[in-house]
Amino acid sequence: MSYDNYTLHDPWWLLALALIPLVAWLRGRRGVPAFVIPFAAAWYRPSLVTVSRLPVGIGVAGLALLVGALARPQRVDDRRQVHEQGYDLMLVIDLSGSMLAEDNHRPGEGPNRLQVIKPVIRAFIENRPNDRIGIVVFATQAYTLSPLTFDHGWLARQLDRIEIGVIDADHTAIGDGLGVALTRLEQAGREEGNRRKGAFVVLLTDGSNNSGVLKPPQAAEIARARGIPVYTIGAGKDGYTFLPVRDERGRTVTYTQIMADLDESALTSISEQTGGRFFRARDANTIESAFKSIDQAQKIEFEAKSYVLTTELFPWFAVPGFLCVLCAGLILAWSTLRGQEAPVHSPFISGPPAVS
């Protein structure tokens, strides 16, 4: 039994409401004994009889509310997702010193490589609301900035906080960064044998591996064995670019030129070995195109889930019902203490015999 999104879990209890008038009718048919007391008419006060109807009405209302509570009224919120798309993915971001390089403009007149990729990554995260996403950052060592999470707002705030220099930025440990990301993708219940279902990695760097314990080919072999595709993005333009030189307070004092040392062959090998793809991204537009291509390639449709949320409403009936019955009893007790006779016409309240 339901009305819109309201329902009764045990509607058969409503049959008990029919017993209330039935009991009243049966009670009215019973004979009422009477005493013959001289001069009783002089004691009759109509106001007391009228007032004594109040507890009867309150008691009947309380019983009706309690019966309604036993029927368990509920509000039902039916949550259904016919189709949902989602993946578990780790973003692996290079924070080595070369990410401070400023491409495609004169020194000091534009963003560095990290500042270019941040809004692109943020847009990528926002475009995948049903994914669990985590972030690993690496330079000389690799660290987990965020484990897998659905809280993309919190994830975007963590992304805004990362800067070059928050970790040792002298070297580039690509293999360690990928290894940490693969460790974060280990999830019980989402593996068949040794292969991971519904997961991939996006690795972005502008350099070559020159630090760390795990070599990129070794990390790639682990990813291949687990069935995790790795998409690699090589950032930064070819040739010479400008790199700021900072003092101990982090202030830029001058610029120097550096030669790009991106190891395209290593990144291409990682992607081909794992079933991913390599992208060469020299500016903001090509970086954005790379992330869009990955977004289109890695969409999966999981089995739809349906669940129902119910809110129990019986307290809204049970509490006032109990209070009504209690109130009726207190009124009757107070009336008895004051010497008032219970009304003879009440089908529910038996009191002293009526006088005549």
Protein backbone atom coordinates (compact mmCIF):
# COMPACT_ATOMS: atom_id res chain seq x y z
CA MET A 1 0.00 0.00 0.00
CA SER A 2 1.52 3.34 -1.04
CA TYR A 3 0.84 6.94 -2.01
CA ASP A 4 3.55 8.45 -4.18
CA ASN A 5 6.67 7.65 -2.16
CA TYR A 6 4.86 6.86 1.11
CA THR A 7 3.90 3.32 2.07
CA LEU A 8 2.71 1.11 4.94
CA HIS A 9 4.92 -1.84 5.72
CA ASP A 10 2.20 -3.74 7.68
CA PRO A 11 -1.13 -2.35 6.41
CA TRP A 12 -3.19 -5.21 7.90
CA TRP A 13 -2.90 -3.52 11.29
CA LEU A 14 -5.42 -0.95 10.02
CA LEU A 15 -8.13 -3.60 10.44
CA ALA A 16 -7.75 -3.04 14.16
CA LEU A 17 -9.29 0.41 13.68
CA ALA A 18 -12.62 -1.32 13.00
CA LEU A 19 -12.53 -2.83 16.49
CA ILE A 20 -12.81 0.57 18.15
CA PRO A 21 -16.41 1.36 17.03
CA LEU A 22 -17.28 -2.37 17.48
CA VAL A 23 -16.17 -2.29 21.11
CA ALA A 24 -18.08 0.96 21.60
CA TRP A 25 -21.28 -0.61 20.17
CA LEU A 26 -20.94 -3.77 22.31
CA ARG A 27 -20.19 -1.72 25.39
CA GLY A 28 -23.32 0.37 24.80
CA ARG A 29 -25.55 -2.71 24.65
CA ARG A 30 -24.56 -3.91 28.13
CA GLY A 31 -26.91 -3.30 31.01
CA VAL A 32 -25.81 -0.74 33.51
CA PRO A 33 -26.70 -1.34 37.18
CA ALA A 34 -28.17 1.56 39.09
CA PHE A 35 -28.80 2.47 42.70
CA VAL A 36 -31.95 4.29 43.74
CA ILE A 37 -30.78 7.18 45.87
CA PRO A 38 -33.24 9.77 47.18
CA PHE A 39 -32.68 13.37 46.11
CA ALA A 40 -29.97 12.35 43.53
CA ALA A 41 -31.33 14.93 41.09
CA ALA A 42 -30.09 17.64 43.36
CA TRP A 43 -26.55 16.36 42.95
CA TYR A 44 -26.57 16.33 39.13
CA ARG A 45 -24.24 18.82 37.46
CA PRO A 46 -24.29 18.71 33.63
CA SER A 47 -20.86 20.37 33.30
CA LEU A 48 -19.15 17.40 34.90
CA VAL A 49 -20.80 15.01 32.46
CA THR A 50 -19.73 17.19 29.54
CA VAL A 51 -16.16 17.52 30.76
CA SER A 52 -15.89 13.76 31.31
CA ARG A 53 -16.27 13.17 27.56
CA LEU A 54 -12.80 14.69 26.99
CA PRO A 55 -10.65 11.74 28.20
CA VAL A 56 -12.75 9.35 26.13
CA GLY A 57 -12.08 11.30 22.93
CA ILE A 58 -8.40 11.66 23.72
CA GLY A 59 -8.11 7.95 24.48
CA VAL A 60 -9.82 6.96 21.23
CA ALA A 61 -7.51 9.26 19.24
CA GLY A 62 -4.49 7.77 21.01
CA LEU A 63 -5.55 4.22 20.21
CA ALA A 64 -6.05 5.13 16.54
CA LEU A 65 -2.56 6.69 16.39
CA LEU A 66 -1.00 3.61 18.00
CA VAL A 67 -2.68 1.36 15.44
CA GLY A 68 -1.30 3.61 12.71
CA ALA A 69 2.18 3.24 14.21
CA LEU A 70 1.84 -0.56 14.18
CA ALA A 71 1.13 -0.35 10.42
CA ARG A 72 4.67 1.14 10.07
CA PRO A 73 4.29 4.11 7.72
CA GLN A 74 7.46 4.74 5.69
CA ARG A 75 8.84 7.23 3.22
CA VAL A 76 10.59 5.45 0.35
CA ASP A 77 13.41 7.02 -1.68
CA ASP A 78 14.09 4.75 -4.63
CA ARG A 79 17.63 5.29 -5.88
CA ARG A 80 18.25 3.74 -9.27
CA GLN A 81 21.22 4.08 -11.58
CA VAL A 82 20.43 2.46 -14.89
CA HIS A 83 23.99 2.83 -16.18
CA GLU A 84 27.12 4.05 -14.53
CA GLN A 85 30.61 4.40 -15.91
CA GLY A 86 33.71 4.21 -13.85
CA TYR A 87 37.29 3.17 -13.43
CA ASP A 88 40.00 3.14 -10.81
CA LEU A 89 42.85 5.25 -12.11
CA MET A 90 46.05 6.73 -10.77
CA LEU A 91 47.57 9.97 -12.08
CA VAL A 92 51.38 9.96 -11.81
CA ILE A 93 52.81 13.50 -12.04
CA ASP A 94 56.44 14.56 -12.42
CA LEU A 95 57.54 17.23 -9.90
CA SER A 96 61.21 17.35 -10.83
CA GLY A 97 62.93 20.71 -11.23
CA SER A 98 62.61 20.74 -15.02
CA MET A 99 58.83 21.12 -14.64
CA LEU A 100 59.58 24.77 -13.81
CA ALA A 101 60.65 25.32 -17.41
CA GLU A 102 58.67 27.97 -19.30
CA ASP A 103 57.93 26.87 -22.87
CA ASN A 104 56.69 28.83 -25.89
CA HIS A 105 57.21 32.36 -24.53
CA ARG A 106 59.90 34.66 -23.21
CA PRO A 107 61.17 34.11 -19.65
CA GLY A 108 58.85 35.41 -16.92
CA GLU A 109 55.93 36.05 -19.27
CA GLY A 110 53.94 32.86 -18.90
CA PRO A 111 53.23 29.71 -16.91
CA ASN A 112 55.70 26.91 -16.33
CA ARG A 113 55.02 23.31 -17.29
CA LEU A 114 53.39 22.38 -13.99
CA GLN A 115 51.10 25.42 -14.13
CA VAL A 116 50.08 24.43 -17.65
CA ILE A 117 49.08 20.87 -16.77
CA LYS A 118 47.20 21.62 -13.52
CA PRO A 119 43.97 22.98 -15.10
CA VAL A 120 44.04 20.21 -17.71
CA ILE A 121 44.27 17.52 -15.03
CA ARG A 122 41.56 19.26 -12.99
CA ALA A 123 39.23 19.24 -15.99
CA PHE A 124 40.03 15.58 -16.61
CA ILE A 125 39.09 14.73 -13.01
CA GLU A 126 35.83 16.70 -13.22
CA ASN A 127 34.90 14.92 -16.45
CA ARG A 128 35.00 11.51 -14.76
CA PRO A 129 32.62 11.83 -11.78
CA ASN A 130 32.05 8.08 -11.45
CA ASP A 131 35.74 7.17 -11.24
CA ARG A 132 37.87 6.60 -8.19
CA ILE A 133 40.99 8.65 -8.81
CA GLY A 134 44.28 8.87 -6.95
CA ILE A 135 47.47 10.91 -7.46
CA VAL A 136 51.14 9.96 -7.09
CA VAL A 137 53.86 12.60 -7.39
CA PHE A 138 57.52 11.84 -8.01
CA ALA A 139 60.91 13.45 -8.48
CA THR A 140 63.91 11.96 -6.66
CA GLN A 141 61.44 9.79 -4.73
CA ALA A 142 57.77 8.93 -5.28
CA TYR A 143 54.94 9.74 -2.86
CA THR A 144 51.18 9.20 -2.72
CA LEU A 145 49.43 12.56 -2.75
CA SER A 146 45.98 10.93 -2.63
CA PRO A 147 44.77 7.30 -2.56
CA LEU A 148 41.82 6.28 -4.72
CA THR A 149 38.82 8.45 -3.86
CA PHE A 150 35.41 9.53 -5.14
CA ASP A 151 35.82 12.91 -3.42
CA HIS A 152 36.98 14.81 -6.48
CA GLY A 153 36.52 18.20 -4.83
CA TRP A 154 39.05 17.27 -2.15
CA LEU A 155 41.30 15.78 -4.85
CA ALA A 156 41.26 19.04 -6.83
CA ARG A 157 42.25 20.99 -3.68
CA GLN A 158 45.23 18.68 -3.16
CA LEU A 159 46.22 19.19 -6.79
CA ASP A 160 46.18 22.97 -6.31
CA ARG A 161 48.63 22.64 -3.41
CA ILE A 162 51.41 20.81 -5.23
CA GLU A 163 54.44 22.89 -6.22
CA ILE A 164 57.95 22.19 -7.38
CA GLY A 165 60.12 21.89 -4.29
CA VAL A 166 57.62 20.23 -1.93
CA ILE A 167 59.70 17.09 -2.50
CA ASP A 168 63.35 16.70 -3.52
CA ALA A 169 63.27 17.83 -7.15
CA ASP A 170 66.87 17.16 -8.23
CA HIS A 171 66.21 13.88 -10.06
CA THR A 172 63.46 11.94 -11.86
CA ALA A 173 62.35 8.47 -10.64
CA ILE A 174 59.81 7.44 -13.30
CA GLY A 175 59.98 3.75 -12.42
CA ASP A 176 59.34 4.38 -8.71
CA GLY A 177 56.42 6.68 -9.50
CA LEU A 178 54.78 4.03 -11.65
CA GLY A 179 55.52 1.35 -9.05
CA VAL A 180 53.82 3.29 -6.24
CA ALA A 181 50.76 3.86 -8.46
CA LEU A 182 50.51 0.13 -9.22
CA THR A 183 50.69 -0.63 -5.50
CA ARG A 184 47.81 1.79 -4.87
CA LEU A 185 45.71 -0.08 -7.45
CA GLU A 186 45.93 -3.36 -5.54
CA GLN A 187 42.30 -3.91 -4.49
CA ALA A 188 40.80 -7.11 -3.10
CA GLY A 189 37.63 -8.11 -4.93
CA ARG A 190 38.66 -6.43 -8.17
CA GLU A 191 41.19 -8.98 -9.29
CA GLU A 192 40.84 -12.18 -11.29
CA GLY A 193 43.91 -14.26 -10.70
CA ASN A 194 46.79 -11.80 -10.89
CA ARG A 195 45.02 -9.40 -13.24
CA ARG A 196 43.39 -6.17 -12.10
CA LYS A 197 39.98 -5.28 -13.54
CA GLY A 198 38.83 -1.77 -14.40
CA ALA A 199 42.03 0.19 -13.74
CA PHE A 200 44.64 2.19 -15.61
CA VAL A 201 47.48 4.67 -15.04
CA VAL A 202 48.25 8.05 -16.61
CA LEU A 203 51.92 9.02 -16.26
CA LEU A 204 53.10 12.54 -17.15
CA THR A 205 56.76 13.54 -17.24
CA ASP A 206 59.12 15.86 -19.09
CA GLY A 207 62.35 13.97 -18.48
CA SER A 208 64.09 10.63 -18.35
CA ASN A 209 64.58 8.19 -15.49
CA ASN A 210 67.78 8.93 -13.55
CA SER A 211 66.87 7.94 -9.99
CA GLY A 212 64.97 5.41 -7.94
CA VAL A 213 65.07 1.70 -7.23
CA LEU A 214 62.62 0.43 -9.86
CA LYS A 215 63.55 0.85 -13.51
CA PRO A 216 60.79 1.85 -15.98
CA PRO A 217 60.94 -1.49 -17.89
CA GLN A 218 60.55 -3.38 -14.60
CA ALA A 219 57.54 -1.27 -13.58
CA ALA A 220 56.05 -1.73 -17.04
CA GLU A 221 56.40 -5.51 -16.75
CA ILE A 222 54.54 -5.46 -13.43
CA ALA A 223 51.75 -3.40 -15.01
CA ARG A 224 51.58 -5.78 -18.00
CA ALA A 225 51.39 -8.85 -15.75
CA ARG A 226 48.50 -7.28 -13.81
CA GLY A 227 46.66 -6.20 -16.95
CA ILE A 228 46.85 -2.47 -16.13
CA PRO A 229 47.27 -0.16 -19.17
CA VAL A 230 49.68 2.74 -18.72
CA TYR A 231 49.12 5.90 -20.76
CA THR A 232 52.23 8.06 -20.90
CA ILE A 233 52.41 11.77 -21.73
CA GLY A 234 55.69 13.45 -22.63
CA ALA A 235 55.40 17.13 -21.69
CA GLY A 236 57.50 20.10 -22.80
CA LYS A 237 58.78 21.33 -26.14
CA ASP A 238 61.80 19.92 -27.96
CA GLY A 239 65.17 21.66 -27.93
CA TYR A 240 66.16 24.46 -25.59
CA THR A 241 63.85 26.10 -23.08
CA PHE A 242 64.17 28.59 -20.22
CA LEU A 243 64.47 27.42 -16.61
CA PRO A 244 64.30 29.88 -13.69
CA VAL A 245 67.10 29.93 -11.18
CA ARG A 246 65.87 30.53 -7.64
CA ASP A 247 67.56 31.60 -4.45
CA GLU A 248 67.20 29.91 -1.06
CA ARG A 249 63.92 31.78 -0.46
CA GLY A 250 62.38 30.46 -3.66
CA ARG A 251 62.59 33.75 -5.54
CA THR A 252 63.56 33.75 -9.23
CA VAL A 253 66.83 35.64 -9.68
CA THR A 254 67.69 34.74 -13.28
CA TYR A 255 67.00 32.28 -16.10
CA THR A 256 69.13 29.65 -17.75
CA GLN A 257 68.62 27.57 -20.85
CA ILE A 258 68.30 23.79 -20.67
CA MET A 259 67.98 21.13 -23.33
CA ALA A 260 64.91 18.87 -23.24
CA ASP A 261 65.87 15.36 -22.10
CA LEU A 262 62.53 13.60 -22.56
CA ASP A 263 63.03 9.85 -23.10
CA GLU A 264 60.28 9.24 -25.67
CA SER A 265 61.43 5.71 -26.44
CA ALA A 266 61.12 4.64 -22.78
CA LEU A 267 57.64 6.14 -22.47
CA THR A 268 56.55 4.59 -25.76
CA SER A 269 57.85 1.22 -24.62
CA ILE A 270 55.93 1.43 -21.34
CA SER A 271 52.66 2.19 -23.14
CA GLU A 272 53.10 -0.47 -25.84
CA GLN A 273 54.10 -3.11 -23.31
CA THR A 274 51.04 -2.50 -21.13
CA GLY A 275 48.41 -1.87 -23.80
CA GLY A 276 48.26 1.90 -23.31
CA ARG A 277 49.35 4.72 -25.60
CA PHE A 278 52.06 7.39 -25.70
CA PHE A 279 51.22 11.07 -26.31
CA ARG A 280 53.67 13.84 -27.14
CA ALA A 281 52.36 17.05 -25.55
CA ARG A 282 54.39 20.15 -26.30
CA ASP A 283 51.90 22.77 -25.10
CA ALA A 284 48.59 23.23 -23.29
CA ASN A 285 46.51 22.31 -26.35
CA THR A 286 48.29 19.03 -27.03
CA ILE A 287 48.24 18.11 -23.33
CA GLU A 288 44.49 18.71 -23.28
CA SER A 289 44.07 16.61 -26.44
CA ALA A 290 46.02 13.78 -24.82
CA PHE A 291 43.79 13.71 -21.75
CA LYS A 292 40.66 13.86 -23.92
CA SER A 293 41.87 10.89 -25.96
CA ILE A 294 42.54 8.91 -22.77
CA ASP A 295 39.10 9.85 -21.43
CA GLN A 296 37.42 8.54 -24.60
CA ALA A 297 39.48 5.36 -24.70
CA GLN A 298 38.97 4.39 -21.07
CA LYS A 299 35.23 4.25 -20.45
CA ILE A 300 33.62 1.11 -19.07
CA GLU A 301 30.03 0.28 -18.23
CA PHE A 302 29.53 -1.67 -15.05
CA GLU A 303 26.42 -3.58 -14.03
CA ALA A 304 23.68 -1.23 -12.89
CA LYS A 305 22.80 -1.19 -9.21
CA SER A 306 19.51 -0.33 -7.58
CA TYR A 307 18.86 0.31 -3.92
CA VAL A 308 15.97 1.63 -1.86
CA LEU A 309 16.24 3.95 1.12
CA THR A 310 13.35 3.95 3.58
CA THR A 311 12.65 6.32 6.44
CA GLU A 312 10.50 4.98 9.26
CA LEU A 313 7.66 7.36 10.19
CA PHE A 314 6.00 5.30 12.95
CA PRO A 315 7.47 7.47 15.75
CA TRP A 316 5.33 10.36 14.46
CA PHE A 317 2.27 8.20 15.27
CA ALA A 318 3.49 6.19 18.25
CA VAL A 319 4.70 9.09 20.39
CA PRO A 320 1.56 11.28 20.17
CA GLY A 321 -0.61 8.14 20.46
CA PHE A 322 1.11 7.12 23.68
CA LEU A 323 0.86 10.69 25.02
CA CYS A 324 -2.87 10.80 24.23
CA VAL A 325 -3.54 7.54 26.08
CA LEU A 326 -1.41 8.71 28.99
CA CYS A 327 -3.17 12.07 29.06
CA ALA A 328 -6.60 10.38 29.09
CA GLY A 329 -5.56 8.20 32.00
CA LEU A 330 -4.26 11.18 33.96
CA ILE A 331 -7.49 13.12 33.40
CA LEU A 332 -9.55 10.17 34.64
CA ALA A 333 -7.31 9.74 37.67
CA TRP A 334 -7.59 13.44 38.46
CA SER A 335 -11.39 13.27 38.08
CA THR A 336 -11.57 10.29 40.42
CA LEU A 337 -9.51 12.04 43.04
CA ARG A 338 -11.90 15.00 42.91
CA GLY A 339 -14.84 12.73 43.39
CA GLN A 340 -16.24 13.01 39.87
CA GLU A 341 -18.22 10.02 38.66
CA ALA A 342 -17.30 8.41 35.39
CA PRO A 343 -20.05 8.96 32.75
CA VAL A 344 -22.41 6.04 32.37
CA HIS A 345 -22.72 6.57 28.62
CA SER A 346 -18.99 6.03 27.94
CA PRO A 347 -18.39 2.73 26.16
CA PHE A 348 -14.78 2.62 27.32
CA ILE A 349 -14.70 3.91 30.88
CA SER A 350 -16.34 1.91 33.64
CA GLY A 351 -16.96 3.90 36.76
CA PRO A 352 -19.23 3.87 39.81
CA PRO A 353 -22.85 2.91 39.09
CA ALA A 354 -25.09 5.70 37.95
CA VAL A 355 -27.60 7.18 40.37
CA SER A 356 -31.28 7.67 39.69
